[in-house]
Amino acid sequence: EYYPLKGKEEIISELQKAAKHADRVYLATDPDREGEAISWHLKY
């Protein structure tokens, strides 16, 4: 059961706003398992 991290509300809101106005969103986090998971959470 995943939840948004406390203290990251502003970053999440800013990224959501930017994604809304973008034609394409490229998820370019680090090239390992951890980076892949961060991209997966961002997608959600």
PDB file of all heavy atoms in Angstrom:
ATOM      1  N   GLU A   1       0.871  -1.190   0.000  1.00  0.00           N
ATOM      2  CA  GLU A   1       0.000   0.000   0.000  1.00  0.00           C
ATOM      3  C   GLU A   1       0.900   1.231   0.000  1.00  0.00           C
ATOM      4  O   GLU A   1       1.599   1.499   0.969  1.00  0.00           O
ATOM      5  CB  GLU A   1      -0.889  -0.011   1.252  1.00  0.00           C
ATOM      6  CG  GLU A   1      -1.815  -1.224   1.330  1.00  0.00           C
ATOM      7  CD  GLU A   1      -2.331  -1.459   2.753  1.00  0.00           C
ATOM      8  OE1 GLU A   1      -2.313  -0.503   3.566  1.00  0.00           O
ATOM      9  OE2 GLU A   1      -2.718  -2.594   3.053  1.00  0.00           O
ATOM     10  N   TYR A   2       0.868   1.966  -1.110  1.00  0.00           N
ATOM     11  CA  TYR A   2       1.748   3.122  -1.278  1.00  0.00           C
ATOM     12  C   TYR A   2       1.015   4.429  -0.995  1.00  0.00           C
ATOM     13  O   TYR A   2      -0.182   4.564  -1.272  1.00  0.00           O
ATOM     14  CB  TYR A   2       2.317   3.166  -2.700  1.00  0.00           C
ATOM     15  CG  TYR A   2       3.242   2.022  -3.022  1.00  0.00           C
ATOM     16  CD1 TYR A   2       2.880   1.036  -3.949  1.00  0.00           C
ATOM     17  CD2 TYR A   2       4.494   1.915  -2.405  1.00  0.00           C
ATOM     18  CE1 TYR A   2       3.745  -0.009  -4.239  1.00  0.00           C
ATOM     19  CE2 TYR A   2       5.351   0.877  -2.702  1.00  0.00           C
ATOM     20  CZ  TYR A   2       4.975  -0.091  -3.612  1.00  0.00           C
ATOM     21  OH  TYR A   2       5.829  -1.130  -3.899  1.00  0.00           O
ATOM     22  N   TYR A   3       1.762   5.389  -0.467  1.00  0.00           N
ATOM     23  CA  TYR A   3       1.214   6.716  -0.155  1.00  0.00           C
ATOM     24  C   TYR A   3       2.210   7.785  -0.600  1.00  0.00           C
ATOM     25  O   TYR A   3       3.423   7.558  -0.529  1.00  0.00           O
ATOM     26  CB  TYR A   3       0.975   6.858   1.360  1.00  0.00           C
ATOM     27  CG  TYR A   3       0.031   5.819   1.926  1.00  0.00           C
ATOM     28  CD1 TYR A   3       0.536   4.589   2.384  1.00  0.00           C
ATOM     29  CD2 TYR A   3      -1.343   6.055   1.990  1.00  0.00           C
ATOM     30  CE1 TYR A   3      -0.323   3.626   2.887  1.00  0.00           C
ATOM     31  CE2 TYR A   3      -2.201   5.086   2.500  1.00  0.00           C
ATOM     32  CZ  TYR A   3      -1.685   3.875   2.940  1.00  0.00           C
ATOM     33  OH  TYR A   3      -2.531   2.920   3.439  1.00  0.00           O
ATOM     34  N   PRO A   4       1.714   8.973  -1.011  1.00  0.00           N
ATOM     35  CA  PRO A   4       2.642  10.073  -1.307  1.00  0.00           C
ATOM     36  C   PRO A   4       3.447  10.412  -0.054  1.00  0.00           C
ATOM     37  O   PRO A   4       2.914  10.383   1.060  1.00  0.00           O
ATOM     38  CB  PRO A   4       1.721  11.229  -1.706  1.00  0.00           C
ATOM     39  CG  PRO A   4       0.440  10.576  -2.113  1.00  0.00           C
ATOM     40  CD  PRO A   4       0.312   9.345  -1.268  1.00  0.00           C
ATOM     41  N   LEU A   5       4.733  10.700  -0.235  1.00  0.00           N
ATOM     42  CA  LEU A   5       5.605  10.979   0.908  1.00  0.00           C
ATOM     43  C   LEU A   5       5.310  12.347   1.495  1.00  0.00           C
ATOM     44  O   LEU A   5       5.124  13.328   0.759  1.00  0.00           O
ATOM     45  CB  LEU A   5       7.074  10.920   0.479  1.00  0.00           C
ATOM     46  CG  LEU A   5       7.636   9.514   0.224  1.00  0.00           C
ATOM     47  CD1 LEU A   5       8.993   9.594  -0.455  1.00  0.00           C
ATOM     48  CD2 LEU A   5       7.770   8.734   1.519  1.00  0.00           C
ATOM     49  N   LYS A   6       5.292  12.411   2.824  1.00  0.00           N
ATOM     50  CA  LYS A   6       5.091  13.694   3.506  1.00  0.00           C
ATOM     51  C   LYS A   6       6.250  14.624   3.207  1.00  0.00           C
ATOM     52  O   LYS A   6       7.401  14.201   3.185  1.00  0.00           O
ATOM     53  CB  LYS A   6       4.977  13.472   5.018  1.00  0.00           C
ATOM     54  CG  LYS A   6       3.597  13.003   5.429  1.00  0.00           C
ATOM     55  CD  LYS A   6       3.461  12.861   6.928  1.00  0.00           C
ATOM     56  CE  LYS A   6       2.068  12.330   7.266  1.00  0.00           C
ATOM     57  NZ  LYS A   6       1.977  11.878   8.639  1.00  0.00           N
ATOM     58  N   GLY A   7       5.955  15.902   2.988  1.00  0.00           N
ATOM     59  CA  GLY A   7       6.991  16.882   2.690  1.00  0.00           C
ATOM     60  C   GLY A   7       7.280  17.001   1.202  1.00  0.00           C
ATOM     61  O   GLY A   7       8.023  17.887   0.771  1.00  0.00           O
ATOM     62  N   LYS A   8       6.680  16.084   0.395  1.00  0.00           N
ATOM     63  CA  LYS A   8       6.922  16.131  -1.061  1.00  0.00           C
ATOM     64  C   LYS A   8       5.700  16.670  -1.820  1.00  0.00           C
ATOM     65  O   LYS A   8       5.658  16.597  -3.051  1.00  0.00           O
ATOM     66  CB  LYS A   8       7.271  14.726  -1.581  1.00  0.00           C
ATOM     67  CG  LYS A   8       8.562  14.116  -1.041  1.00  0.00           C
ATOM     68  CD  LYS A   8       9.797  14.750  -1.677  1.00  0.00           C
ATOM     69  CE  LYS A   8      11.086  14.049  -1.258  1.00  0.00           C
ATOM     70  NZ  LYS A   8      11.622  13.152  -2.251  1.00  0.00           N
ATOM     71  N   GLU A   9       4.726  17.214  -1.068  1.00  0.00           N
ATOM     72  CA  GLU A   9       3.474  17.654  -1.708  1.00  0.00           C
ATOM     73  C   GLU A   9       3.726  18.712  -2.792  1.00  0.00           C
ATOM     74  O   GLU A   9       3.132  18.671  -3.873  1.00  0.00           O
ATOM     75  CB  GLU A   9       2.497  18.223  -0.660  1.00  0.00           C
ATOM     76  CG  GLU A   9       2.028  17.222   0.389  1.00  0.00           C
ATOM     77  CD  GLU A   9       2.989  17.071   1.568  1.00  0.00           C
ATOM     78  OE1 GLU A   9       4.043  17.742   1.595  1.00  0.00           O
ATOM     79  OE2 GLU A   9       2.662  16.274   2.459  1.00  0.00           O
ATOM     80  N   GLU A  10       4.623  19.652  -2.476  1.00  0.00           N
ATOM     81  CA  GLU A  10       4.880  20.758  -3.409  1.00  0.00           C
ATOM     82  C   GLU A  10       5.505  20.250  -4.717  1.00  0.00           C
ATOM     83  O   GLU A  10       5.115  20.669  -5.810  1.00  0.00           O
ATOM     84  CB  GLU A  10       5.835  21.766  -2.742  1.00  0.00           C
ATOM     85  CG  GLU A  10       5.747  23.155  -3.364  1.00  0.00           C
ATOM     86  CD  GLU A  10       6.634  24.148  -2.621  1.00  0.00           C
ATOM     87  OE1 GLU A  10       6.551  24.233  -1.375  1.00  0.00           O
ATOM     88  OE2 GLU A  10       7.430  24.807  -3.307  1.00  0.00           O
ATOM     89  N   ILE A  11       6.462  19.321  -4.593  1.00  0.00           N
ATOM     90  CA  ILE A  11       7.116  18.762  -5.788  1.00  0.00           C
ATOM     91  C   ILE A  11       6.096  17.997  -6.623  1.00  0.00           C
ATOM     92  O   ILE A  11       6.045  18.139  -7.853  1.00  0.00           O
ATOM     93  CB  ILE A  11       8.291  17.830  -5.394  1.00  0.00           C
ATOM     94  CG1 ILE A  11       9.393  18.617  -4.678  1.00  0.00           C
ATOM     95  CG2 ILE A  11       8.871  17.130  -6.625  1.00  0.00           C
ATOM     96  CD1 ILE A  11      10.489  17.751  -4.087  1.00  0.00           C
ATOM     97  N   ILE A  12       5.252  17.178  -5.938  1.00  0.00           N
ATOM     98  CA  ILE A  12       4.235  16.391  -6.662  1.00  0.00           C
ATOM     99  C   ILE A  12       3.290  17.319  -7.414  1.00  0.00           C
ATOM    100  O   ILE A  12       3.005  17.126  -8.603  1.00  0.00           O
ATOM    101  CB  ILE A  12       3.456  15.475  -5.682  1.00  0.00           C
ATOM    102  CG1 ILE A  12       4.391  14.398  -5.110  1.00  0.00           C
ATOM    103  CG2 ILE A  12       2.256  14.823  -6.387  1.00  0.00           C
ATOM    104  CD1 ILE A  12       3.816  13.601  -3.948  1.00  0.00           C
ATOM    105  N   SER A  13       2.839  18.362  -6.743  1.00  0.00           N
ATOM    106  CA  SER A  13       1.903  19.316  -7.352  1.00  0.00           C
ATOM    107  C   SER A  13       2.547  20.008  -8.564  1.00  0.00           C
ATOM    108  O   SER A  13       1.926  20.152  -9.623  1.00  0.00           O
ATOM    109  CB  SER A  13       1.484  20.349  -6.294  1.00  0.00           C
ATOM    110  OG  SER A  13       0.818  21.409  -6.894  1.00  0.00           O
ATOM    111  N   GLU A  14       3.797  20.399  -8.412  1.00  0.00           N
ATOM    112  CA  GLU A  14       4.511  21.092  -9.499  1.00  0.00           C
ATOM    113  C   GLU A  14       4.679  20.177 -10.706  1.00  0.00           C
ATOM    114  O   GLU A  14       4.482  20.600 -11.862  1.00  0.00           O
ATOM    115  CB  GLU A  14       5.884  21.537  -8.973  1.00  0.00           C
ATOM    116  CG  GLU A  14       6.572  22.580  -9.836  1.00  0.00           C
ATOM    117  CD  GLU A  14       7.964  22.929  -9.298  1.00  0.00           C
ATOM    118  OE1 GLU A  14       8.067  23.239  -8.086  1.00  0.00           O
ATOM    119  OE2 GLU A  14       8.917  22.871 -10.083  1.00  0.00           O
ATOM    120  N   LEU A  15       5.032  18.897 -10.460  1.00  0.00           N
ATOM    121  CA  LEU A  15       5.212  17.939 -11.560  1.00  0.00           C
ATOM    122  C   LEU A  15       3.873  17.623 -12.228  1.00  0.00           C
ATOM    123  O   LEU A  15       3.804  17.473 -13.461  1.00  0.00           O
ATOM    124  CB  LEU A  15       5.874  16.648 -11.056  1.00  0.00           C
ATOM    125  CG  LEU A  15       7.343  16.756 -10.628  1.00  0.00           C
ATOM    126  CD1 LEU A  15       7.833  15.438 -10.046  1.00  0.00           C
ATOM    127  CD2 LEU A  15       8.240  17.149 -11.806  1.00  0.00           C
ATOM    128  N   GLN A  16       2.795  17.523 -11.430  1.00  0.00           N
ATOM    129  CA  GLN A  16       1.461  17.257 -12.002  1.00  0.00           C
ATOM    130  C   GLN A  16       1.036  18.395 -12.927  1.00  0.00           C
ATOM    131  O   GLN A  16       0.503  18.174 -14.013  1.00  0.00           O
ATOM    132  CB  GLN A  16       0.432  17.048 -10.877  1.00  0.00           C
ATOM    133  CG  GLN A  16       0.560  15.696 -10.191  1.00  0.00           C
ATOM    134  CD  GLN A  16      -0.294  15.562  -8.947  1.00  0.00           C
ATOM    135  OE1 GLN A  16      -0.667  16.556  -8.312  1.00  0.00           O
ATOM    136  NE2 GLN A  16      -0.589  14.325  -8.561  1.00  0.00           N
ATOM    137  N   LYS A  17       1.307  19.638 -12.486  1.00  0.00           N
ATOM    138  CA  LYS A  17       0.961  20.819 -13.288  1.00  0.00           C
ATOM    139  C   LYS A  17       1.750  20.824 -14.603  1.00  0.00           C
ATOM    140  O   LYS A  17       1.207  21.048 -15.681  1.00  0.00           O
ATOM    141  CB  LYS A  17       1.273  22.087 -12.481  1.00  0.00           C
ATOM    142  CG  LYS A  17       0.436  23.309 -12.887  1.00  0.00           C
ATOM    143  CD  LYS A  17       0.759  24.502 -11.997  1.00  0.00           C
ATOM    144  CE  LYS A  17       0.275  24.280 -10.572  1.00  0.00           C
ATOM    145  NZ  LYS A  17       0.629  25.433  -9.699  1.00  0.00           N
ATOM    146  N   ALA A  18       3.064  20.533 -14.495  1.00  0.00           N
ATOM    147  CA  ALA A  18       3.915  20.532 -15.688  1.00  0.00           C
ATOM    148  C   ALA A  18       3.510  19.410 -16.652  1.00  0.00           C
ATOM    149  O   ALA A  18       3.496  19.608 -17.874  1.00  0.00           O
ATOM    150  CB  ALA A  18       5.380  20.372 -15.270  1.00  0.00           C
ATOM    151  N   ALA A  19       3.145  18.244 -16.094  1.00  0.00           N
ATOM    152  CA  ALA A  19       2.762  17.098 -16.934  1.00  0.00           C
ATOM    153  C   ALA A  19       1.460  17.369 -17.686  1.00  0.00           C
ATOM    154  O   ALA A  19       1.283  16.936 -18.827  1.00  0.00           O
ATOM    155  CB  ALA A  19       2.616  15.849 -16.064  1.00  0.00           C
ATOM    156  N   LYS A  20       0.556  18.120 -17.026  1.00  0.00           N
ATOM    157  CA  LYS A  20      -0.758  18.438 -17.611  1.00  0.00           C
ATOM    158  C   LYS A  20      -0.593  19.251 -18.899  1.00  0.00           C
ATOM    159  O   LYS A  20      -1.356  19.097 -19.856  1.00  0.00           O
ATOM    160  CB  LYS A  20      -1.575  19.230 -16.584  1.00  0.00           C
ATOM    161  CG  LYS A  20      -3.066  19.111 -16.752  1.00  0.00           C
ATOM    162  CD  LYS A  20      -3.733  19.780 -15.570  1.00  0.00           C
ATOM    163  CE  LYS A  20      -5.246  19.717 -15.736  1.00  0.00           C
ATOM    164  NZ  LYS A  20      -5.917  20.381 -14.603  1.00  0.00           N
ATOM    165  N   HIS A  21       0.432  20.128 -18.924  1.00  0.00           N
ATOM    166  CA  HIS A  21       0.631  21.025 -20.065  1.00  0.00           C
ATOM    167  C   HIS A  21       1.667  20.498 -21.067  1.00  0.00           C
ATOM    168  O   HIS A  21       2.044  21.200 -22.003  1.00  0.00           O
ATOM    169  CB  HIS A  21       1.059  22.418 -19.563  1.00  0.00           C
ATOM    170  CG  HIS A  21      -0.004  23.095 -18.757  1.00  0.00           C
ATOM    171  ND1 HIS A  21       0.030  23.152 -17.382  1.00  0.00           N
ATOM    172  CD2 HIS A  21      -1.158  23.694 -19.144  1.00  0.00           C
ATOM    173  CE1 HIS A  21      -1.044  23.781 -16.943  1.00  0.00           C
ATOM    174  NE2 HIS A  21      -1.786  24.119 -17.988  1.00  0.00           N
ATOM    175  N   ALA A  22       2.145  19.266 -20.856  1.00  0.00           N
ATOM    176  CA  ALA A  22       3.173  18.706 -21.748  1.00  0.00           C
ATOM    177  C   ALA A  22       2.543  17.729 -22.735  1.00  0.00           C
ATOM    178  O   ALA A  22       1.621  16.986 -22.396  1.00  0.00           O
ATOM    179  CB  ALA A  22       4.244  17.997 -20.934  1.00  0.00           C
ATOM    180  N   ASP A  23       3.034  17.759 -23.973  1.00  0.00           N
ATOM    181  CA  ASP A  23       2.591  16.768 -24.960  1.00  0.00           C
ATOM    182  C   ASP A  23       3.132  15.387 -24.617  1.00  0.00           C
ATOM    183  O   ASP A  23       2.455  14.382 -24.778  1.00  0.00           O
ATOM    184  CB  ASP A  23       3.090  17.160 -26.357  1.00  0.00           C
ATOM    185  CG  ASP A  23       2.312  18.335 -26.924  1.00  0.00           C
ATOM    186  OD1 ASP A  23       1.275  18.689 -26.330  1.00  0.00           O
ATOM    187  OD2 ASP A  23       2.744  18.903 -27.942  1.00  0.00           O
ATOM    188  N   ARG A  24       4.375  15.380 -24.170  1.00  0.00           N
ATOM    189  CA  ARG A  24       5.017  14.112 -23.807  1.00  0.00           C
ATOM    190  C   ARG A  24       5.742  14.259 -22.483  1.00  0.00           C
ATOM    191  O   ARG A  24       6.366  15.291 -22.234  1.00  0.00           O
ATOM    192  CB  ARG A  24       6.047  13.712 -24.868  1.00  0.00           C
ATOM    193  CG  ARG A  24       5.464  13.018 -26.077  1.00  0.00           C
ATOM    194  CD  ARG A  24       6.582  12.452 -26.934  1.00  0.00           C
ATOM    195  NE  ARG A  24       6.065  11.567 -27.956  1.00  0.00           N
ATOM    196  CZ  ARG A  24       6.793  10.695 -28.648  1.00  0.00           C
ATOM    197  NH1 ARG A  24       8.088  10.613 -28.419  1.00  0.00           N
ATOM    198  NH2 ARG A  24       6.257   9.919 -29.560  1.00  0.00           N
ATOM    199  N   VAL A  25       5.675  13.219 -21.654  1.00  0.00           N
ATOM    200  CA  VAL A  25       6.428  13.196 -20.397  1.00  0.00           C
ATOM    201  C   VAL A  25       7.435  12.046 -20.469  1.00  0.00           C
ATOM    202  O   VAL A  25       7.049  10.881 -20.619  1.00  0.00           O
ATOM    203  CB  VAL A  25       5.499  13.003 -19.167  1.00  0.00           C
ATOM    204  CG1 VAL A  25       6.327  12.980 -17.885  1.00  0.00           C
ATOM    205  CG2 VAL A  25       4.442  14.093 -19.105  1.00  0.00           C
ATOM    206  N   TYR A  26       8.716  12.404 -20.419  1.00  0.00           N
ATOM    207  CA  TYR A  26       9.781  11.398 -20.439  1.00  0.00           C
ATOM    208  C   TYR A  26      10.239  11.134 -19.005  1.00  0.00           C
ATOM    209  O   TYR A  26      10.594  12.065 -18.282  1.00  0.00           O
ATOM    210  CB  TYR A  26      10.980  11.897 -21.261  1.00  0.00           C
ATOM    211  CG  TYR A  26      10.690  12.050 -22.733  1.00  0.00           C
ATOM    212  CD1 TYR A  26      10.218  13.263 -23.244  1.00  0.00           C
ATOM    213  CD2 TYR A  26      10.890  10.991 -23.616  1.00  0.00           C
ATOM    214  CE1 TYR A  26       9.956  13.411 -24.599  1.00  0.00           C
ATOM    215  CE2 TYR A  26      10.632  11.128 -24.970  1.00  0.00           C
ATOM    216  CZ  TYR A  26      10.161  12.342 -25.457  1.00  0.00           C
ATOM    217  OH  TYR A  26       9.912  12.477 -26.795  1.00  0.00           O
ATOM    218  N   LEU A  27      10.195   9.863 -18.612  1.00  0.00           N
ATOM    219  CA  LEU A  27      10.629   9.475 -17.262  1.00  0.00           C
ATOM    220  C   LEU A  27      12.089   9.027 -17.365  1.00  0.00           C
ATOM    221  O   LEU A  27      12.384   7.960 -17.904  1.00  0.00           O
ATOM    222  CB  LEU A  27       9.735   8.353 -16.731  1.00  0.00           C
ATOM    223  CG  LEU A  27       8.232   8.714 -16.705  1.00  0.00           C
ATOM    224  CD1 LEU A  27       7.380   7.482 -16.390  1.00  0.00           C
ATOM    225  CD2 LEU A  27       7.956   9.828 -15.712  1.00  0.00           C
ATOM    226  N   ALA A  28      13.007   9.885 -16.879  1.00  0.00           N
ATOM    227  CA  ALA A  28      14.446   9.670 -17.103  1.00  0.00           C
ATOM    228  C   ALA A  28      15.189   9.494 -15.789  1.00  0.00           C
ATOM    229  O   ALA A  28      16.286  10.022 -15.605  1.00  0.00           O
ATOM    230  CB  ALA A  28      15.022  10.834 -17.903  1.00  0.00           C
ATOM    231  N   THR A  29      14.596   8.759 -14.862  1.00  0.00           N
ATOM    232  CA  THR A  29      15.265   8.491 -13.578  1.00  0.00           C
ATOM    233  C   THR A  29      16.415   7.508 -13.804  1.00  0.00           C
ATOM    234  O   THR A  29      16.591   6.984 -14.905  1.00  0.00           O
ATOM    235  CB  THR A  29      14.245   7.923 -12.568  1.00  0.00           C
ATOM    236  OG1 THR A  29      13.527   6.851 -13.196  1.00  0.00           O
ATOM    237  CG2 THR A  29      13.260   8.998 -12.132  1.00  0.00           C
ATOM    238  N   ASP A  30      17.197   7.243 -12.752  1.00  0.00           N
ATOM    239  CA  ASP A  30      18.435   6.455 -12.885  1.00  0.00           C
ATOM    240  C   ASP A  30      18.198   5.079 -13.529  1.00  0.00           C
ATOM    241  O   ASP A  30      17.121   4.491 -13.379  1.00  0.00           O
ATOM    242  CB  ASP A  30      19.076   6.256 -11.506  1.00  0.00           C
ATOM    243  CG  ASP A  30      19.831   7.508 -11.047  1.00  0.00           C
ATOM    244  OD1 ASP A  30      19.928   8.459 -11.839  1.00  0.00           O
ATOM    245  OD2 ASP A  30      20.320   7.530  -9.900  1.00  0.00           O
ATOM    246  N   PRO A  31      19.220   4.555 -14.226  1.00  0.00           N
ATOM    247  CA  PRO A  31      19.055   3.296 -14.972  1.00  0.00           C
ATOM    248  C   PRO A  31      19.257   2.041 -14.126  1.00  0.00           C
ATOM    249  O   PRO A  31      20.060   1.175 -14.469  1.00  0.00           O
ATOM    250  CB  PRO A  31      20.134   3.411 -16.059  1.00  0.00           C
ATOM    251  CG  PRO A  31      21.210   4.216 -15.424  1.00  0.00           C
ATOM    252  CD  PRO A  31      20.529   5.185 -14.506  1.00  0.00           C
ATOM    253  N   ASP A  32      18.539   1.941 -12.993  1.00  0.00           N
ATOM    254  CA  ASP A  32      18.615   0.722 -12.181  1.00  0.00           C
ATOM    255  C   ASP A  32      17.224   0.411 -11.654  1.00  0.00           C
ATOM    256  O   ASP A  32      16.254   1.097 -11.972  1.00  0.00           O
ATOM    257  CB  ASP A  32      19.634   0.887 -11.038  1.00  0.00           C
ATOM    258  CG  ASP A  32      19.321   2.088 -10.141  1.00  0.00           C
ATOM    259  OD1 ASP A  32      18.217   2.668 -10.258  1.00  0.00           O
ATOM    260  OD2 ASP A  32      20.184   2.450  -9.315  1.00  0.00           O
ATOM    261  N   ARG A  33      17.115  -0.633 -10.807  1.00  0.00           N
ATOM    262  CA  ARG A  33      15.792  -1.049 -10.297  1.00  0.00           C
ATOM    263  C   ARG A  33      15.103   0.082  -9.540  1.00  0.00           C
ATOM    264  O   ARG A  33      13.907   0.303  -9.683  1.00  0.00           O
ATOM    265  CB  ARG A  33      15.952  -2.252  -9.359  1.00  0.00           C
ATOM    266  CG  ARG A  33      16.342  -3.517 -10.060  1.00  0.00           C
ATOM    267  CD  ARG A  33      16.467  -4.671  -9.097  1.00  0.00           C
ATOM    268  NE  ARG A  33      17.448  -4.402  -8.041  1.00  0.00           N
ATOM    269  CZ  ARG A  33      17.830  -5.294  -7.148  1.00  0.00           C
ATOM    270  NH1 ARG A  33      17.339  -6.504  -7.183  1.00  0.00           N
ATOM    271  NH2 ARG A  33      18.724  -4.996  -6.230  1.00  0.00           N
ATOM    272  N   GLU A  34      15.900   0.780  -8.728  1.00  0.00           N
ATOM    273  CA  GLU A  34      15.342   1.877  -7.926  1.00  0.00           C
ATOM    274  C   GLU A  34      14.804   2.977  -8.843  1.00  0.00           C
ATOM    275  O   GLU A  34      13.715   3.504  -8.641  1.00  0.00           O
ATOM    276  CB  GLU A  34      16.435   2.434  -7.003  1.00  0.00           C
ATOM    277  CG  GLU A  34      15.928   3.044  -5.717  1.00  0.00           C
ATOM    278  CD  GLU A  34      15.354   2.027  -4.747  1.00  0.00           C
ATOM    279  OE1 GLU A  34      15.803   0.865  -4.723  1.00  0.00           O
ATOM    280  OE2 GLU A  34      14.423   2.410  -4.017  1.00  0.00           O
ATOM    281  N   GLY A  35      15.593   3.320  -9.871  1.00  0.00           N
ATOM    282  CA  GLY A  35      15.167   4.340 -10.830  1.00  0.00           C
ATOM    283  C   GLY A  35      13.912   3.922 -11.581  1.00  0.00           C
ATOM    284  O   GLY A  35      13.015   4.731 -11.834  1.00  0.00           O
ATOM    285  N   GLU A  36      13.856   2.628 -11.948  1.00  0.00           N
ATOM    286  CA  GLU A  36      12.671   2.112 -12.664  1.00  0.00           C
ATOM    287  C   GLU A  36      11.424   2.233 -11.782  1.00  0.00           C
ATOM    288  O   GLU A  36      10.344   2.620 -12.244  1.00  0.00           O
ATOM    289  CB  GLU A  36      12.903   0.648 -13.046  1.00  0.00           C
ATOM    290  CG  GLU A  36      12.112   0.179 -14.245  1.00  0.00           C
ATOM    291  CD  GLU A  36      12.604   0.748 -15.568  1.00  0.00           C
ATOM    292  OE1 GLU A  36      13.760   1.204 -15.655  1.00  0.00           O
ATOM    293  OE2 GLU A  36      11.816   0.739 -16.533  1.00  0.00           O
ATOM    294  N   ALA A  37      11.598   1.921 -10.482  1.00  0.00           N
ATOM    295  CA  ALA A  37      10.462   2.015  -9.545  1.00  0.00           C
ATOM    296  C   ALA A  37      10.023   3.470  -9.361  1.00  0.00           C
ATOM    297  O   ALA A  37       8.819   3.753  -9.284  1.00  0.00           O
ATOM    298  CB  ALA A  37      10.857   1.406  -8.198  1.00  0.00           C
ATOM    299  N   ILE A  38      10.979   4.404  -9.299  1.00  0.00           N
ATOM    300  CA  ILE A  38      10.621   5.824  -9.161  1.00  0.00           C
ATOM    301  C   ILE A  38       9.804   6.266 -10.376  1.00  0.00           C
ATOM    302  O   ILE A  38       8.782   6.961 -10.240  1.00  0.00           O
ATOM    303  CB  ILE A  38      11.882   6.709  -8.983  1.00  0.00           C
ATOM    304  CG1 ILE A  38      12.537   6.408  -7.623  1.00  0.00           C
ATOM    305  CG2 ILE A  38      11.548   8.195  -9.085  1.00  0.00           C
ATOM    306  CD1 ILE A  38      13.894   7.072  -7.410  1.00  0.00           C
ATOM    307  N   SER A  39      10.212   5.835 -11.581  1.00  0.00           N
ATOM    308  CA  SER A  39       9.459   6.168 -12.800  1.00  0.00           C
ATOM    309  C   SER A  39       8.058   5.571 -12.744  1.00  0.00           C
ATOM    310  O   SER A  39       7.081   6.198 -13.150  1.00  0.00           O
ATOM    311  CB  SER A  39      10.192   5.648 -14.044  1.00  0.00           C
ATOM    312  OG  SER A  39      11.271   6.489 -14.363  1.00  0.00           O
ATOM    313  N   TRP A  40       7.942   4.347 -12.240  1.00  0.00           N
ATOM    314  CA  TRP A  40       6.638   3.672 -12.129  1.00  0.00           C
ATOM    315  C   TRP A  40       5.710   4.440 -11.180  1.00  0.00           C
ATOM    316  O   TRP A  40       4.532   4.647 -11.473  1.00  0.00           O
ATOM    317  CB  TRP A  40       6.894   2.242 -11.636  1.00  0.00           C
ATOM    318  CG  TRP A  40       5.687   1.382 -11.484  1.00  0.00           C
ATOM    319  CD1 TRP A  40       4.952   0.803 -12.477  1.00  0.00           C
ATOM    320  CD2 TRP A  40       5.088   0.962 -10.244  1.00  0.00           C
ATOM    321  NE1 TRP A  40       3.932   0.054 -11.939  1.00  0.00           N
ATOM    322  CE2 TRP A  40       3.988   0.136 -10.576  1.00  0.00           C
ATOM    323  CE3 TRP A  40       5.370   1.203  -8.903  1.00  0.00           C
ATOM    324  CZ2 TRP A  40       3.175  -0.453  -9.600  1.00  0.00           C
ATOM    325  CZ3 TRP A  40       4.571   0.614  -7.942  1.00  0.00           C
ATOM    326  CH2 TRP A  40       3.475  -0.199  -8.280  1.00  0.00           C
ATOM    327  N   HIS A  41       6.259   4.896 -10.052  1.00  0.00           N
ATOM    328  CA  HIS A  41       5.462   5.695  -9.112  1.00  0.00           C
ATOM    329  C   HIS A  41       5.074   7.037  -9.734  1.00  0.00           C
ATOM    330  O   HIS A  41       3.955   7.523  -9.530  1.00  0.00           O
ATOM    331  CB  HIS A  41       6.248   5.927  -7.816  1.00  0.00           C
ATOM    332  CG  HIS A  41       6.362   4.704  -6.946  1.00  0.00           C
ATOM    333  ND1 HIS A  41       5.266   4.039  -6.443  1.00  0.00           N
ATOM    334  CD2 HIS A  41       7.447   4.009  -6.490  1.00  0.00           C
ATOM    335  CE1 HIS A  41       5.665   3.003  -5.716  1.00  0.00           C
ATOM    336  NE2 HIS A  41       6.990   2.969  -5.738  1.00  0.00           N
ATOM    337  N   LEU A  42       5.993   7.643 -10.487  1.00  0.00           N
ATOM    338  CA  LEU A  42       5.694   8.918 -11.164  1.00  0.00           C
ATOM    339  C   LEU A  42       4.554   8.729 -12.164  1.00  0.00           C
ATOM    340  O   LEU A  42       3.653   9.572 -12.273  1.00  0.00           O
ATOM    341  CB  LEU A  42       6.936   9.438 -11.893  1.00  0.00           C
ATOM    342  CG  LEU A  42       7.995  10.148 -11.049  1.00  0.00           C
ATOM    343  CD1 LEU A  42       9.296  10.296 -11.828  1.00  0.00           C
ATOM    344  CD2 LEU A  42       7.499  11.525 -10.592  1.00  0.00           C
ATOM    345  N   LYS A  43       4.587   7.642 -12.903  1.00  0.00           N
ATOM    346  CA  LYS A  43       3.536   7.327 -13.889  1.00  0.00           C
ATOM    347  C   LYS A  43       2.163   7.315 -13.201  1.00  0.00           C
ATOM    348  O   LYS A  43       1.172   7.851 -13.722  1.00  0.00           O
ATOM    349  CB  LYS A  43       3.843   5.962 -14.521  1.00  0.00           C
ATOM    350  CG  LYS A  43       2.815   5.450 -15.519  1.00  0.00           C
ATOM    351  CD  LYS A  43       3.267   4.083 -16.029  1.00  0.00           C
ATOM    352  CE  LYS A  43       2.329   3.513 -17.074  1.00  0.00           C
ATOM    353  NZ  LYS A  43       0.999   3.178 -16.569  1.00  0.00           N
ATOM    354  N   TYR A  44       2.119   6.736 -11.992  1.00  0.00           N
ATOM    355  CA  TYR A  44       0.853   6.676 -11.244  1.00  0.00           C
ATOM    356  C   TYR A  44       0.453   8.069 -10.748  1.00  0.00           C
ATOM    357  O   TYR A  44      -0.680   8.508 -10.939  1.00  0.00           O
ATOM    358  CB  TYR A  44       1.009   5.710 -10.059  1.00  0.00           C
ATOM    359  CG  TYR A  44      -0.190   5.687  -9.139  1.00  0.00           C
ATOM    360  CD1 TYR A  44      -1.263   4.842  -9.398  1.00  0.00           C
ATOM    361  CD2 TYR A  44      -0.250   6.526  -8.015  1.00  0.00           C
ATOM    362  CE1 TYR A  44      -2.374   4.835  -8.562  1.00  0.00           C
ATOM    363  CE2 TYR A  44      -1.352   6.527  -7.191  1.00  0.00           C
ATOM    364  CZ  TYR A  44      -2.409   5.678  -7.458  1.00  0.00           C
ATOM    365  OH  TYR A  44      -3.508   5.678  -6.639  1.00  0.00           O
TER     366      TYR A  44
END
